[in-house]
Amino acid sequence: MKLHDLTSHARAGHIEELNLISLEGGIYLLEARIDGRSHSLDDGRGHAVHLRSVEHAREVLHEFPELPFHLVHSVVHDEMCGMEADSRDTLRVPMSTRTSH
């Protein structure tokens, strides 16, 4: 979903939550939950938009209304051991889309 579409859904109140998914290598992906389904932010050509940090995500979301927003990390130890990922092994940290000064 392109940023323009994501913004429209946010303003219309369709987004249940936003998740900033932290991946190995300092890459973050943004996903929105709409009607129980995940929609990743993409560049319009089917490629995921890679964000650099939480602050970068906040810059992208600056025009959005305040929404439930989580930083999501998988448990790296399990991934490194080759074990199947389990939703219980995911760390979800509630955050604000606004920068606090």
Protein backbone atom coordinates (compact mmCIF):
# COMPACT_ATOMS: atom_id res chain seq x y z
CA MET A 1 0.00 0.00 0.00
CA LYS A 2 1.40 3.38 -0.99
CA LEU A 3 1.83 6.13 1.60
CA HIS A 4 -0.98 8.20 0.05
CA ASP A 5 -3.42 5.29 0.42
CA LEU A 6 -2.23 4.58 3.95
CA THR A 7 -2.74 8.23 4.88
CA SER A 8 -6.27 8.17 3.44
CA HIS A 9 -7.13 5.06 5.45
CA ALA A 10 -5.70 6.63 8.61
CA ARG A 11 -7.73 9.81 8.22
CA ALA A 12 -10.88 7.78 7.53
CA GLY A 13 -10.35 5.82 10.75
CA HIS A 14 -9.87 2.46 9.04
CA ILE A 15 -6.48 1.60 10.56
CA GLU A 16 -6.65 -0.55 13.70
CA GLU A 17 -2.93 -0.26 14.48
CA LEU A 18 0.45 0.47 12.98
CA ASN A 19 3.42 -1.85 13.50
CA LEU A 20 7.02 -0.90 12.89
CA ILE A 21 8.79 -4.21 12.35
CA SER A 22 12.47 -4.26 13.23
CA LEU A 23 14.59 -6.55 11.05
CA GLU A 24 18.20 -7.56 11.26
CA GLY A 25 20.56 -5.00 9.76
CA GLY A 26 18.78 -1.91 11.07
CA ILE A 27 15.88 -2.13 8.64
CA TYR A 28 12.35 -1.25 9.68
CA LEU A 29 9.16 -2.03 7.78
CA LEU A 30 5.82 -0.36 8.44
CA GLU A 31 2.60 -2.33 8.37
CA ALA A 32 -0.97 -1.27 9.02
CA ARG A 33 -3.76 -3.55 10.24
CA ILE A 34 -7.02 -2.86 8.45
CA ASP A 35 -10.02 -5.17 8.93
CA GLY A 36 -7.75 -7.70 10.64
CA ARG A 37 -5.33 -7.89 7.69
CA SER A 38 -1.75 -6.62 7.45
CA HIS A 39 -0.83 -4.15 4.73
CA SER A 40 2.82 -3.21 4.27
CA LEU A 41 3.95 0.20 3.13
CA ASP A 42 5.34 -0.12 -0.39
CA ASP A 43 6.75 2.16 -3.04
CA GLY A 44 3.92 1.56 -5.52
CA ARG A 45 6.00 -0.92 -7.51
CA GLY A 46 5.59 -3.78 -5.05
CA HIS A 47 8.81 -3.15 -3.11
CA ALA A 48 8.63 -2.64 0.64
CA VAL A 49 9.69 0.78 1.87
CA HIS A 50 12.68 0.39 4.21
CA LEU A 51 12.75 2.88 7.06
CA ARG A 52 16.00 3.69 8.91
CA SER A 53 14.75 4.17 12.45
CA VAL A 54 11.82 4.85 14.74
CA GLU A 55 12.34 8.58 14.18
CA HIS A 56 12.28 8.06 10.42
CA ALA A 57 8.94 6.26 10.80
CA ARG A 58 7.63 9.15 12.90
CA GLU A 59 8.66 11.57 10.13
CA VAL A 60 6.72 9.49 7.60
CA LEU A 61 3.68 9.37 9.92
CA HIS A 62 3.71 13.05 10.92
CA GLU A 63 0.39 13.83 9.15
CA PHE A 64 -1.39 10.76 10.55
CA PRO A 65 -3.85 11.01 13.40
CA GLU A 66 -2.65 9.42 16.66
CA LEU A 67 -3.07 5.63 16.29
CA PRO A 68 -1.98 2.57 18.27
CA PHE A 69 1.66 2.15 17.22
CA HIS A 70 4.03 -0.68 18.17
CA LEU A 71 7.68 -1.44 17.64
CA VAL A 72 7.84 -5.17 16.89
CA HIS A 73 10.94 -7.34 17.41
CA SER A 74 11.25 -11.08 16.92
CA VAL A 75 13.32 -13.00 19.42
CA VAL A 76 16.66 -13.23 17.65
CA HIS A 77 17.92 -16.24 19.63
CA ASP A 78 15.14 -18.45 18.26
CA GLU A 79 15.74 -17.25 14.71
CA MET A 80 19.46 -17.93 15.02
CA CYS A 81 18.82 -21.45 16.31
CA GLY A 82 16.55 -22.16 13.35
CA MET A 83 13.47 -22.70 15.46
CA GLU A 84 10.06 -21.87 14.10
CA ALA A 85 8.88 -18.38 14.99
CA ASP A 86 6.11 -18.20 17.56
CA SER A 87 3.90 -15.17 18.20
CA ARG A 88 4.69 -15.54 21.94
CA ASP A 89 8.33 -14.88 21.09
CA THR A 90 7.61 -11.48 19.60
CA LEU A 91 8.27 -8.33 21.58
CA ARG A 92 5.68 -5.59 20.92
CA VAL A 93 6.50 -2.24 22.49
CA PRO A 94 3.72 0.39 22.48
CA MET A 95 4.96 3.77 21.25
CA SER A 96 3.69 7.12 20.12
CA THR A 97 3.76 8.27 16.53
CA ARG A 98 4.77 11.69 17.88
CA THR A 99 8.26 12.66 18.97
CA SER A 100 8.43 13.55 22.63
CA HIS A 101 10.57 16.54 23.53
